[in-house]
Amino acid sequence: QALEKYLKGILLFNQRSIVQYRNHDLSAVCKAVETIPWIDLCWPA
């Protein structure tokens, strides 16, 4: 729940929709965060 809400919060803060992420698919939400061009994240391996 924490991971999912943090990632969805990032999307909302960046004016991205979250309605399509309803099944706890953290990988999909993470990929959506990666598409935000001004966020340069360095994910662990």
ModelCIF file with pLDDT and N, C-alpha, C, O atoms, coordinates in Angstrom:
data_MODEL
#
_entry.id   MODEL 
#
_entity.id                         1 
_entity.type                       polymer 
_entity.pdbx_number_of_molecules   1 
#
_entity_poly.entity_id                      1 
_entity_poly.type                           'polypeptide(L)' 
_entity_poly.nstd_linkage                   no 
_entity_poly.nstd_monomer                   no 
_entity_poly.pdbx_seq_one_letter_code       QALEKYLKGILLFNQRSIVQYRNHDLSAVCKAVETIPWIDLCWPA 
_entity_poly.pdbx_seq_one_letter_code_can   QALEKYLKGILLFNQRSIVQYRNHDLSAVCKAVETIPWIDLCWPA 
_entity_poly.pdbx_strand_id                 A 
#
loop_
_entity_poly_seq.entity_id 
_entity_poly_seq.num 
_entity_poly_seq.mon_id 
_entity_poly_seq.hetero 
1 1  GLN n 
1 2  ALA n 
1 3  LEU n 
1 4  GLU n 
1 5  LYS n 
1 6  TYR n 
1 7  LEU n 
1 8  LYS n 
1 9  GLY n 
1 10 ILE n 
1 11 LEU n 
1 12 LEU n 
1 13 PHE n 
1 14 ASN n 
1 15 GLN n 
1 16 ARG n 
1 17 SER n 
1 18 ILE n 
1 19 VAL n 
1 20 GLN n 
1 21 TYR n 
1 22 ARG n 
1 23 ASN n 
1 24 HIS n 
1 25 ASP n 
1 26 LEU n 
1 27 SER n 
1 28 ALA n 
1 29 VAL n 
1 30 CYS n 
1 31 LYS n 
1 32 ALA n 
1 33 VAL n 
1 34 GLU n 
1 35 THR n 
1 36 ILE n 
1 37 PRO n 
1 38 TRP n 
1 39 ILE n 
1 40 ASP n 
1 41 LEU n 
1 42 CYS n 
1 43 TRP n 
1 44 PRO n 
1 45 ALA n 
#
_struct_asym.id          A 
_struct_asym.entity_id   1 
#
loop_
_ma_qa_metric.id 
_ma_qa_metric.mode 
_ma_qa_metric.name 
_ma_qa_metric.software_group_id 
_ma_qa_metric.type 
1 global pLDDT . pLDDT 
2 local  pLDDT . pLDDT 
#
_ma_qa_metric_global.metric_id      1 
_ma_qa_metric_global.metric_value   90.24 
_ma_qa_metric_global.model_id       1 
_ma_qa_metric_global.ordinal_id     1 
#
loop_
_ma_qa_metric_local.label_asym_id 
_ma_qa_metric_local.label_comp_id 
_ma_qa_metric_local.label_seq_id 
_ma_qa_metric_local.metric_id 
_ma_qa_metric_local.metric_value 
_ma_qa_metric_local.model_id 
_ma_qa_metric_local.ordinal_id 
A GLN 1  2 92.00 1 1  
A ALA 2  2 95.00 1 2  
A LEU 3  2 93.00 1 3  
A GLU 4  2 93.00 1 4  
A LYS 5  2 94.00 1 5  
A TYR 6  2 95.00 1 6  
A LEU 7  2 94.00 1 7  
A LYS 8  2 93.00 1 8  
A GLY 9  2 94.00 1 9  
A ILE 10 2 94.00 1 10 
A LEU 11 2 94.00 1 11 
A LEU 12 2 92.00 1 12 
A PHE 13 2 92.00 1 13 
A ASN 14 2 93.00 1 14 
A GLN 15 2 91.00 1 15 
A ARG 16 2 92.00 1 16 
A SER 17 2 89.00 1 17 
A ILE 18 2 91.00 1 18 
A VAL 19 2 89.00 1 19 
A GLN 20 2 91.00 1 20 
A TYR 21 2 87.00 1 21 
A ARG 22 2 81.00 1 22 
A ASN 23 2 80.00 1 23 
A HIS 24 2 79.00 1 24 
A ASP 25 2 85.00 1 25 
A LEU 26 2 89.00 1 26 
A SER 27 2 89.00 1 27 
A ALA 28 2 92.00 1 28 
A VAL 29 2 92.00 1 29 
A CYS 30 2 91.00 1 30 
A LYS 31 2 92.00 1 31 
A ALA 32 2 94.00 1 32 
A VAL 33 2 94.00 1 33 
A GLU 34 2 92.00 1 34 
A THR 35 2 93.00 1 35 
A ILE 36 2 94.00 1 36 
A PRO 37 2 92.00 1 37 
A TRP 38 2 91.00 1 38 
A ILE 39 2 88.00 1 39 
A ASP 40 2 86.00 1 40 
A LEU 41 2 84.00 1 41 
A CYS 42 2 86.00 1 42 
A TRP 43 2 85.00 1 43 
A PRO 44 2 86.00 1 44 
A ALA 45 2 88.00 1 45 
#
loop_
_atom_site.group_PDB 
_atom_site.id 
_atom_site.type_symbol 
_atom_site.label_atom_id 
_atom_site.label_alt_id 
_atom_site.label_comp_id 
_atom_site.label_asym_id 
_atom_site.label_entity_id 
_atom_site.label_seq_id 
_atom_site.pdbx_PDB_ins_code 
_atom_site.Cartn_x 
_atom_site.Cartn_y 
_atom_site.Cartn_z 
_atom_site.occupancy 
_atom_site.B_iso_or_equiv 
_atom_site.pdbx_formal_charge 
_atom_site.auth_seq_id 
_atom_site.auth_comp_id 
_atom_site.auth_asym_id 
_atom_site.auth_atom_id 
_atom_site.pdbx_PDB_model_num 
ATOM 1   N N  . GLN A 1 1  ? 0.822  -1.206 0.000   1.00 92.00 ? 1  GLN A N  1 
ATOM 2   C CA . GLN A 1 1  ? 0.000  0.000  0.000   1.00 92.00 ? 1  GLN A CA 1 
ATOM 3   C C  . GLN A 1 1  ? 0.857  1.258  0.000   1.00 92.00 ? 1  GLN A C  1 
ATOM 4   O O  . GLN A 1 1  ? 0.560  2.211  -0.720  1.00 92.00 ? 1  GLN A O  1 
ATOM 5   N N  . ALA A 1 2  ? 1.920  1.269  0.802   1.00 95.00 ? 2  ALA A N  1 
ATOM 6   C CA . ALA A 1 2  ? 2.803  2.435  0.854   1.00 95.00 ? 2  ALA A CA 1 
ATOM 7   C C  . ALA A 1 2  ? 3.458  2.684  -0.503  1.00 95.00 ? 2  ALA A C  1 
ATOM 8   O O  . ALA A 1 2  ? 3.433  3.803  -1.016  1.00 95.00 ? 2  ALA A O  1 
ATOM 9   N N  . LEU A 1 3  ? 4.038  1.643  -1.077  1.00 93.00 ? 3  LEU A N  1 
ATOM 10  C CA . LEU A 1 3  ? 4.701  1.800  -2.374  1.00 93.00 ? 3  LEU A CA 1 
ATOM 11  C C  . LEU A 1 3  ? 3.723  2.284  -3.442  1.00 93.00 ? 3  LEU A C  1 
ATOM 12  O O  . LEU A 1 3  ? 4.032  3.189  -4.217  1.00 93.00 ? 3  LEU A O  1 
ATOM 13  N N  . GLU A 1 4  ? 2.557  1.678  -3.470  1.00 93.00 ? 4  GLU A N  1 
ATOM 14  C CA . GLU A 1 4  ? 1.561  2.049  -4.476  1.00 93.00 ? 4  GLU A CA 1 
ATOM 15  C C  . GLU A 1 4  ? 1.118  3.503  -4.322  1.00 93.00 ? 4  GLU A C  1 
ATOM 16  O O  . GLU A 1 4  ? 1.006  4.227  -5.312  1.00 93.00 ? 4  GLU A O  1 
ATOM 17  N N  . LYS A 1 5  ? 0.870  3.925  -3.101  1.00 94.00 ? 5  LYS A N  1 
ATOM 18  C CA . LYS A 1 5  ? 0.406  5.302  -2.885  1.00 94.00 ? 5  LYS A CA 1 
ATOM 19  C C  . LYS A 1 5  ? 1.506  6.323  -3.156  1.00 94.00 ? 5  LYS A C  1 
ATOM 20  O O  . LYS A 1 5  ? 1.228  7.396  -3.692  1.00 94.00 ? 5  LYS A O  1 
ATOM 21  N N  . TYR A 1 6  ? 2.743  6.011  -2.798  1.00 95.00 ? 6  TYR A N  1 
ATOM 22  C CA . TYR A 1 6  ? 3.845  6.932  -3.117  1.00 95.00 ? 6  TYR A CA 1 
ATOM 23  C C  . TYR A 1 6  ? 3.962  7.121  -4.632  1.00 95.00 ? 6  TYR A C  1 
ATOM 24  O O  . TYR A 1 6  ? 4.067  8.247  -5.119  1.00 95.00 ? 6  TYR A O  1 
ATOM 25  N N  . LEU A 1 7  ? 3.941  6.016  -5.363  1.00 94.00 ? 7  LEU A N  1 
ATOM 26  C CA . LEU A 1 7  ? 4.065  6.106  -6.822  1.00 94.00 ? 7  LEU A CA 1 
ATOM 27  C C  . LEU A 1 7  ? 2.884  6.845  -7.452  1.00 94.00 ? 7  LEU A C  1 
ATOM 28  O O  . LEU A 1 7  ? 3.070  7.677  -8.339  1.00 94.00 ? 7  LEU A O  1 
ATOM 29  N N  . LYS A 1 8  ? 1.681  6.541  -6.996  1.00 93.00 ? 8  LYS A N  1 
ATOM 30  C CA . LYS A 1 8  ? 0.501  7.227  -7.528  1.00 93.00 ? 8  LYS A CA 1 
ATOM 31  C C  . LYS A 1 8  ? 0.511  8.698  -7.139  1.00 93.00 ? 8  LYS A C  1 
ATOM 32  O O  . LYS A 1 8  ? 0.064  9.540  -7.918  1.00 93.00 ? 8  LYS A O  1 
ATOM 33  N N  . GLY A 1 9  ? 1.002  9.018  -5.971  1.00 94.00 ? 9  GLY A N  1 
ATOM 34  C CA . GLY A 1 9  ? 1.128  10.416 -5.558  1.00 94.00 ? 9  GLY A CA 1 
ATOM 35  C C  . GLY A 1 9  ? 2.061  11.176 -6.486  1.00 94.00 ? 9  GLY A C  1 
ATOM 36  O O  . GLY A 1 9  ? 1.782  12.315 -6.860  1.00 94.00 ? 9  GLY A O  1 
ATOM 37  N N  . ILE A 1 10 ? 3.172  10.545 -6.857  1.00 94.00 ? 10 ILE A N  1 
ATOM 38  C CA . ILE A 1 10 ? 4.104  11.177 -7.803  1.00 94.00 ? 10 ILE A CA 1 
ATOM 39  C C  . ILE A 1 10 ? 3.398  11.464 -9.122  1.00 94.00 ? 10 ILE A C  1 
ATOM 40  O O  . ILE A 1 10 ? 3.557  12.541 -9.696  1.00 94.00 ? 10 ILE A O  1 
ATOM 41  N N  . LEU A 1 11 ? 2.620  10.501 -9.599  1.00 94.00 ? 11 LEU A N  1 
ATOM 42  C CA . LEU A 1 11 ? 1.888  10.716 -10.854 1.00 94.00 ? 11 LEU A CA 1 
ATOM 43  C C  . LEU A 1 11 ? 0.910  11.878 -10.724 1.00 94.00 ? 11 LEU A C  1 
ATOM 44  O O  . LEU A 1 11 ? 0.835  12.729 -11.610 1.00 94.00 ? 11 LEU A O  1 
ATOM 45  N N  . LEU A 1 12 ? 0.169  11.917 -9.635  1.00 92.00 ? 12 LEU A N  1 
ATOM 46  C CA . LEU A 1 12 ? -0.803 13.008 -9.447  1.00 92.00 ? 12 LEU A CA 1 
ATOM 47  C C  . LEU A 1 12 ? -0.117 14.368 -9.342  1.00 92.00 ? 12 LEU A C  1 
ATOM 48  O O  . LEU A 1 12 ? -0.579 15.344 -9.933  1.00 92.00 ? 12 LEU A O  1 
ATOM 49  N N  . PHE A 1 13 ? 0.980  14.436 -8.596  1.00 92.00 ? 13 PHE A N  1 
ATOM 50  C CA . PHE A 1 13 ? 1.707  15.694 -8.475  1.00 92.00 ? 13 PHE A CA 1 
ATOM 51  C C  . PHE A 1 13 ? 2.210  16.187 -9.828  1.00 92.00 ? 13 PHE A C  1 
ATOM 52  O O  . PHE A 1 13 ? 2.448  17.380 -10.017 1.00 92.00 ? 13 PHE A O  1 
ATOM 53  N N  . ASN A 1 14 ? 2.368  15.250 -10.769 1.00 93.00 ? 14 ASN A N  1 
ATOM 54  C CA . ASN A 1 14 ? 2.842  15.592 -12.101 1.00 93.00 ? 14 ASN A CA 1 
ATOM 55  C C  . ASN A 1 14 ? 1.739  15.543 -13.144 1.00 93.00 ? 14 ASN A C  1 
ATOM 56  O O  . ASN A 1 14 ? 2.001  15.386 -14.336 1.00 93.00 ? 14 ASN A O  1 
ATOM 57  N N  . GLN A 1 15 ? 0.500  15.680 -12.681 1.00 91.00 ? 15 GLN A N  1 
ATOM 58  C CA . GLN A 1 15 ? -0.682 15.806 -13.534 1.00 91.00 ? 15 GLN A CA 1 
ATOM 59  C C  . GLN A 1 15 ? -0.877 14.610 -14.459 1.00 91.00 ? 15 GLN A C  1 
ATOM 60  O O  . GLN A 1 15 ? -1.242 14.762 -15.625 1.00 91.00 ? 15 GLN A O  1 
ATOM 61  N N  . ARG A 1 16 ? -0.629 13.420 -13.922 1.00 92.00 ? 16 ARG A N  1 
ATOM 62  C CA . ARG A 1 16 ? -0.833 12.184 -14.668 1.00 92.00 ? 16 ARG A CA 1 
ATOM 63  C C  . ARG A 1 16 ? -2.019 11.427 -14.072 1.00 92.00 ? 16 ARG A C  1 
ATOM 64  O O  . ARG A 1 16 ? -2.273 11.499 -12.870 1.00 92.00 ? 16 ARG A O  1 
ATOM 65  N N  . SER A 1 17 ? -2.719 10.722 -14.900 1.00 89.00 ? 17 SER A N  1 
ATOM 66  C CA . SER A 1 17 ? -3.874 9.947  -14.454 1.00 89.00 ? 17 SER A CA 1 
ATOM 67  C C  . SER A 1 17 ? -3.419 8.677  -13.722 1.00 89.00 ? 17 SER A C  1 
ATOM 68  O O  . SER A 1 17 ? -2.371 8.109  -14.027 1.00 89.00 ? 17 SER A O  1 
ATOM 69  N N  . ILE A 1 18 ? -4.232 8.249  -12.753 1.00 91.00 ? 18 ILE A N  1 
ATOM 70  C CA . ILE A 1 18 ? -3.944 7.001  -12.046 1.00 91.00 ? 18 ILE A CA 1 
ATOM 71  C C  . ILE A 1 18 ? -5.109 6.016  -12.130 1.00 91.00 ? 18 ILE A C  1 
ATOM 72  O O  . ILE A 1 18 ? -5.038 4.924  -11.567 1.00 91.00 ? 18 ILE A O  1 
ATOM 73  N N  . VAL A 1 19 ? -6.167 6.392  -12.822 1.00 89.00 ? 19 VAL A N  1 
ATOM 74  C CA . VAL A 1 19 ? -7.379 5.560  -12.823 1.00 89.00 ? 19 VAL A CA 1 
ATOM 75  C C  . VAL A 1 19 ? -7.150 4.169  -13.423 1.00 89.00 ? 19 VAL A C  1 
ATOM 76  O O  . VAL A 1 19 ? -7.873 3.235  -13.075 1.00 89.00 ? 19 VAL A O  1 
ATOM 77  N N  . GLN A 1 20 ? -6.180 4.008  -14.300 1.00 91.00 ? 20 GLN A N  1 
ATOM 78  C CA . GLN A 1 20 ? -5.952 2.715  -14.931 1.00 91.00 ? 20 GLN A CA 1 
ATOM 79  C C  . GLN A 1 20 ? -5.131 1.766  -14.051 1.00 91.00 ? 20 GLN A C  1 
ATOM 80  O O  . GLN A 1 20 ? -4.933 0.612  -14.429 1.00 91.00 ? 20 GLN A O  1 
ATOM 81  N N  . TYR A 1 21 ? -4.650 2.218  -12.893 1.00 87.00 ? 21 TYR A N  1 
ATOM 82  C CA . TYR A 1 21 ? -3.817 1.393  -12.019 1.00 87.00 ? 21 TYR A CA 1 
ATOM 83  C C  . TYR A 1 21 ? -4.608 0.972  -10.787 1.00 87.00 ? 21 TYR A C  1 
ATOM 84  O O  . TYR A 1 21 ? -4.450 1.547  -9.710  1.00 87.00 ? 21 TYR A O  1 
ATOM 85  N N  . ARG A 1 22 ? -5.455 -0.028 -10.953 1.00 81.00 ? 22 ARG A N  1 
ATOM 86  C CA . ARG A 1 22 ? -6.335 -0.446 -9.863  1.00 81.00 ? 22 ARG A CA 1 
ATOM 87  C C  . ARG A 1 22 ? -6.012 -1.819 -9.300  1.00 81.00 ? 22 ARG A C  1 
ATOM 88  O O  . ARG A 1 22 ? -6.636 -2.227 -8.320  1.00 81.00 ? 22 ARG A O  1 
ATOM 89  N N  . ASN A 1 23 ? -5.085 -2.536 -9.861  1.00 80.00 ? 23 ASN A N  1 
ATOM 90  C CA . ASN A 1 23 ? -4.875 -3.916 -9.447  1.00 80.00 ? 23 ASN A CA 1 
ATOM 91  C C  . ASN A 1 23 ? -3.530 -4.143 -8.746  1.00 80.00 ? 23 ASN A C  1 
ATOM 92  O O  . ASN A 1 23 ? -2.983 -5.244 -8.811  1.00 80.00 ? 23 ASN A O  1 
ATOM 93  N N  . HIS A 1 24 ? -3.008 -3.147 -8.096  1.00 79.00 ? 24 HIS A N  1 
ATOM 94  C CA . HIS A 1 24 ? -1.748 -3.228 -7.344  1.00 79.00 ? 24 HIS A CA 1 
ATOM 95  C C  . HIS A 1 24 ? -0.565 -3.609 -8.221  1.00 79.00 ? 24 HIS A C  1 
ATOM 96  O O  . HIS A 1 24 ? 0.382  -4.230 -7.738  1.00 79.00 ? 24 HIS A O  1 
ATOM 97  N N  . ASP A 1 25 ? -0.601 -3.251 -9.490  1.00 85.00 ? 25 ASP A N  1 
ATOM 98  C CA . ASP A 1 25 ? 0.513  -3.557 -10.393 1.00 85.00 ? 25 ASP A CA 1 
ATOM 99  C C  . ASP A 1 25 ? 1.580  -2.470 -10.237 1.00 85.00 ? 25 ASP A C  1 
ATOM 100 O O  . ASP A 1 25 ? 1.593  -1.481 -10.970 1.00 85.00 ? 25 ASP A O  1 
ATOM 101 N N  . LEU A 1 26 ? 2.471  -2.678 -9.267  1.00 89.00 ? 26 LEU A N  1 
ATOM 102 C CA . LEU A 1 26 ? 3.499  -1.687 -8.972  1.00 89.00 ? 26 LEU A CA 1 
ATOM 103 C C  . LEU A 1 26 ? 4.430  -1.450 -10.154 1.00 89.00 ? 26 LEU A C  1 
ATOM 104 O O  . LEU A 1 26 ? 4.889  -0.327 -10.364 1.00 89.00 ? 26 LEU A O  1 
ATOM 105 N N  . SER A 1 27 ? 4.712  -2.487 -10.922 1.00 89.00 ? 27 SER A N  1 
ATOM 106 C CA . SER A 1 27 ? 5.601  -2.327 -12.079 1.00 89.00 ? 27 SER A CA 1 
ATOM 107 C C  . SER A 1 27 ? 5.011  -1.369 -13.103 1.00 89.00 ? 27 SER A C  1 
ATOM 108 O O  . SER A 1 27 ? 5.724  -0.536 -13.663 1.00 89.00 ? 27 SER A O  1 
ATOM 109 N N  . ALA A 1 28 ? 3.714  -1.487 -13.348 1.00 92.00 ? 28 ALA A N  1 
ATOM 110 C CA . ALA A 1 28 ? 3.063  -0.595 -14.313 1.00 92.00 ? 28 ALA A CA 1 
ATOM 111 C C  . ALA A 1 28 ? 3.077  0.857  -13.825 1.00 92.00 ? 28 ALA A C  1 
ATOM 112 O O  . ALA A 1 28 ? 3.325  1.778  -14.604 1.00 92.00 ? 28 ALA A O  1 
ATOM 113 N N  . VAL A 1 29 ? 2.813  1.050  -12.546 1.00 92.00 ? 29 VAL A N  1 
ATOM 114 C CA . VAL A 1 29 ? 2.815  2.413  -11.996 1.00 92.00 ? 29 VAL A CA 1 
ATOM 115 C C  . VAL A 1 29 ? 4.231  2.979  -12.030 1.00 92.00 ? 29 VAL A C  1 
ATOM 116 O O  . VAL A 1 29 ? 4.433  4.156  -12.328 1.00 92.00 ? 29 VAL A O  1 
ATOM 117 N N  . CYS A 1 30 ? 5.194  2.141  -11.728 1.00 91.00 ? 30 CYS A N  1 
ATOM 118 C CA . CYS A 1 30 ? 6.600  2.550  -11.758 1.00 91.00 ? 30 CYS A CA 1 
ATOM 119 C C  . CYS A 1 30 ? 7.011  2.967  -13.172 1.00 91.00 ? 30 CYS A C  1 
ATOM 120 O O  . CYS A 1 30 ? 7.702  3.969  -13.355 1.00 91.00 ? 30 CYS A O  1 
ATOM 121 N N  . LYS A 1 31 ? 6.586  2.202  -14.152 1.00 92.00 ? 31 LYS A N  1 
ATOM 122 C CA . LYS A 1 31 ? 6.892  2.543  -15.550 1.00 92.00 ? 31 LYS A CA 1 
ATOM 123 C C  . LYS A 1 31 ? 6.255  3.874  -15.940 1.00 92.00 ? 31 LYS A C  1 
ATOM 124 O O  . LYS A 1 31 ? 6.836  4.641  -16.708 1.00 92.00 ? 31 LYS A O  1 
ATOM 125 N N  . ALA A 1 32 ? 5.070  4.147  -15.416 1.00 94.00 ? 32 ALA A N  1 
ATOM 126 C CA . ALA A 1 32 ? 4.410  5.424  -15.695 1.00 94.00 ? 32 ALA A CA 1 
ATOM 127 C C  . ALA A 1 32 ? 5.199  6.580  -15.078 1.00 94.00 ? 32 ALA A C  1 
ATOM 128 O O  . ALA A 1 32 ? 5.319  7.645  -15.684 1.00 94.00 ? 32 ALA A O  1 
ATOM 129 N N  . VAL A 1 33 ? 5.727  6.374  -13.892 1.00 94.00 ? 33 VAL A N  1 
ATOM 130 C CA . VAL A 1 33 ? 6.557  7.408  -13.251 1.00 94.00 ? 33 VAL A CA 1 
ATOM 131 C C  . VAL A 1 33 ? 7.816  7.655  -14.085 1.00 94.00 ? 33 VAL A C  1 
ATOM 132 O O  . VAL A 1 33 ? 8.264  8.794  -14.221 1.00 94.00 ? 33 VAL A O  1 
ATOM 133 N N  . GLU A 1 34 ? 8.380  6.589  -14.637 1.00 92.00 ? 34 GLU A N  1 
ATOM 134 C CA . GLU A 1 34 ? 9.589  6.718  -15.458 1.00 92.00 ? 34 GLU A CA 1 
ATOM 135 C C  . GLU A 1 34 ? 9.366  7.564  -16.708 1.00 92.00 ? 34 GLU A C  1 
ATOM 136 O O  . GLU A 1 34 ? 10.320 8.119  -17.255 1.00 92.00 ? 34 GLU A O  1 
ATOM 137 N N  . THR A 1 35 ? 8.123  7.669  -17.166 1.00 93.00 ? 35 THR A N  1 
ATOM 138 C CA . THR A 1 35 ? 7.851  8.446  -18.388 1.00 93.00 ? 35 THR A CA 1 
ATOM 139 C C  . THR A 1 35 ? 7.816  9.951  -18.139 1.00 93.00 ? 35 THR A C  1 
ATOM 140 O O  . THR A 1 35 ? 7.754  10.727 -19.092 1.00 93.00 ? 35 THR A O  1 
ATOM 141 N N  . ILE A 1 36 ? 7.853  10.374 -16.890 1.00 94.00 ? 36 ILE A N  1 
ATOM 142 C CA . ILE A 1 36 ? 7.850  11.805 -16.579 1.00 94.00 ? 36 ILE A CA 1 
ATOM 143 C C  . ILE A 1 36 ? 9.254  12.338 -16.877 1.00 94.00 ? 36 ILE A C  1 
ATOM 144 O O  . ILE A 1 36 ? 10.211 11.979 -16.190 1.00 94.00 ? 36 ILE A O  1 
ATOM 145 N N  . PRO A 1 37 ? 9.382  13.188 -17.893 1.00 92.00 ? 37 PRO A N  1 
ATOM 146 C CA . PRO A 1 37 ? 10.712 13.558 -18.381 1.00 92.00 ? 37 PRO A CA 1 
ATOM 147 C C  . PRO A 1 37 ? 11.569 14.352 -17.387 1.00 92.00 ? 37 PRO A C  1 
ATOM 148 O O  . PRO A 1 37 ? 12.794 14.246 -17.427 1.00 92.00 ? 37 PRO A O  1 
ATOM 149 N N  . TRP A 1 38 ? 10.974 15.123 -16.520 1.00 91.00 ? 38 TRP A N  1 
ATOM 150 C CA . TRP A 1 38 ? 11.756 15.963 -15.613 1.00 91.00 ? 38 TRP A CA 1 
ATOM 151 C C  . TRP A 1 38 ? 12.119 15.261 -14.307 1.00 91.00 ? 38 TRP A C  1 
ATOM 152 O O  . TRP A 1 38 ? 12.732 15.866 -13.428 1.00 91.00 ? 38 TRP A O  1 
ATOM 153 N N  . ILE A 1 39 ? 11.749 14.001 -14.178 1.00 88.00 ? 39 ILE A N  1 
ATOM 154 C CA . ILE A 1 39 ? 12.142 13.220 -13.006 1.00 88.00 ? 39 ILE A CA 1 
ATOM 155 C C  . ILE A 1 39 ? 13.224 12.244 -13.454 1.00 88.00 ? 39 ILE A C  1 
ATOM 156 O O  . ILE A 1 39 ? 12.988 11.372 -14.290 1.00 88.00 ? 39 ILE A O  1 
ATOM 157 N N  . ASP A 1 40 ? 14.405 12.408 -12.884 1.00 86.00 ? 40 ASP A N  1 
ATOM 158 C CA . ASP A 1 40 ? 15.535 11.546 -13.226 1.00 86.00 ? 40 ASP A CA 1 
ATOM 159 C C  . ASP A 1 40 ? 15.790 10.605 -12.053 1.00 86.00 ? 40 ASP A C  1 
ATOM 160 O O  . ASP A 1 40 ? 16.502 10.944 -11.108 1.00 86.00 ? 40 ASP A O  1 
ATOM 161 N N  . LEU A 1 41 ? 15.193 9.419  -12.136 1.00 84.00 ? 41 LEU A N  1 
ATOM 162 C CA . LEU A 1 41 ? 15.318 8.448  -11.058 1.00 84.00 ? 41 LEU A CA 1 
ATOM 163 C C  . LEU A 1 41 ? 16.376 7.410  -11.391 1.00 84.00 ? 41 LEU A C  1 
ATOM 164 O O  . LEU A 1 41 ? 16.551 7.013  -12.543 1.00 84.00 ? 41 LEU A O  1 
ATOM 165 N N  . CYS A 1 42 ? 17.063 6.992  -10.368 1.00 86.00 ? 42 CYS A N  1 
ATOM 166 C CA . CYS A 1 42 ? 18.037 5.912  -10.513 1.00 86.00 ? 42 CYS A CA 1 
ATOM 167 C C  . CYS A 1 42 ? 17.545 4.755  -9.653  1.00 86.00 ? 42 CYS A C  1 
ATOM 168 O O  . CYS A 1 42 ? 17.843 4.680  -8.461  1.00 86.00 ? 42 CYS A O  1 
ATOM 169 N N  . TRP A 1 43 ? 16.781 3.848  -10.280 1.00 85.00 ? 43 TRP A N  1 
ATOM 170 C CA . TRP A 1 43 ? 16.197 2.729  -9.557  1.00 85.00 ? 43 TRP A CA 1 
ATOM 171 C C  . TRP A 1 43 ? 17.279 1.705  -9.229  1.00 85.00 ? 43 TRP A C  1 
ATOM 172 O O  . TRP A 1 43 ? 18.218 1.532  -10.006 1.00 85.00 ? 43 TRP A O  1 
ATOM 173 N N  . PRO A 1 44 ? 17.162 1.023  -8.089  1.00 86.00 ? 44 PRO A N  1 
ATOM 174 C CA . PRO A 1 44 ? 18.112 -0.056 -7.783  1.00 86.00 ? 44 PRO A CA 1 
ATOM 175 C C  . PRO A 1 44 ? 17.899 -1.242 -8.726  1.00 86.00 ? 44 PRO A C  1 
ATOM 176 O O  . PRO A 1 44 ? 16.812 -1.426 -9.273  1.00 86.00 ? 44 PRO A O  1 
ATOM 177 N N  . ALA A 1 45 ? 18.937 -2.028 -8.904  1.00 88.00 ? 45 ALA A N  1 
ATOM 178 C CA . ALA A 1 45 ? 18.868 -3.179 -9.812  1.00 88.00 ? 45 ALA A CA 1 
ATOM 179 C C  . ALA A 1 45 ? 17.827 -4.197 -9.361  1.00 88.00 ? 45 ALA A C  1 
ATOM 180 O O  . ALA A 1 45 ? 17.643 -5.223 -10.016 1.00 88.00 ? 45 ALA A O  1 
#
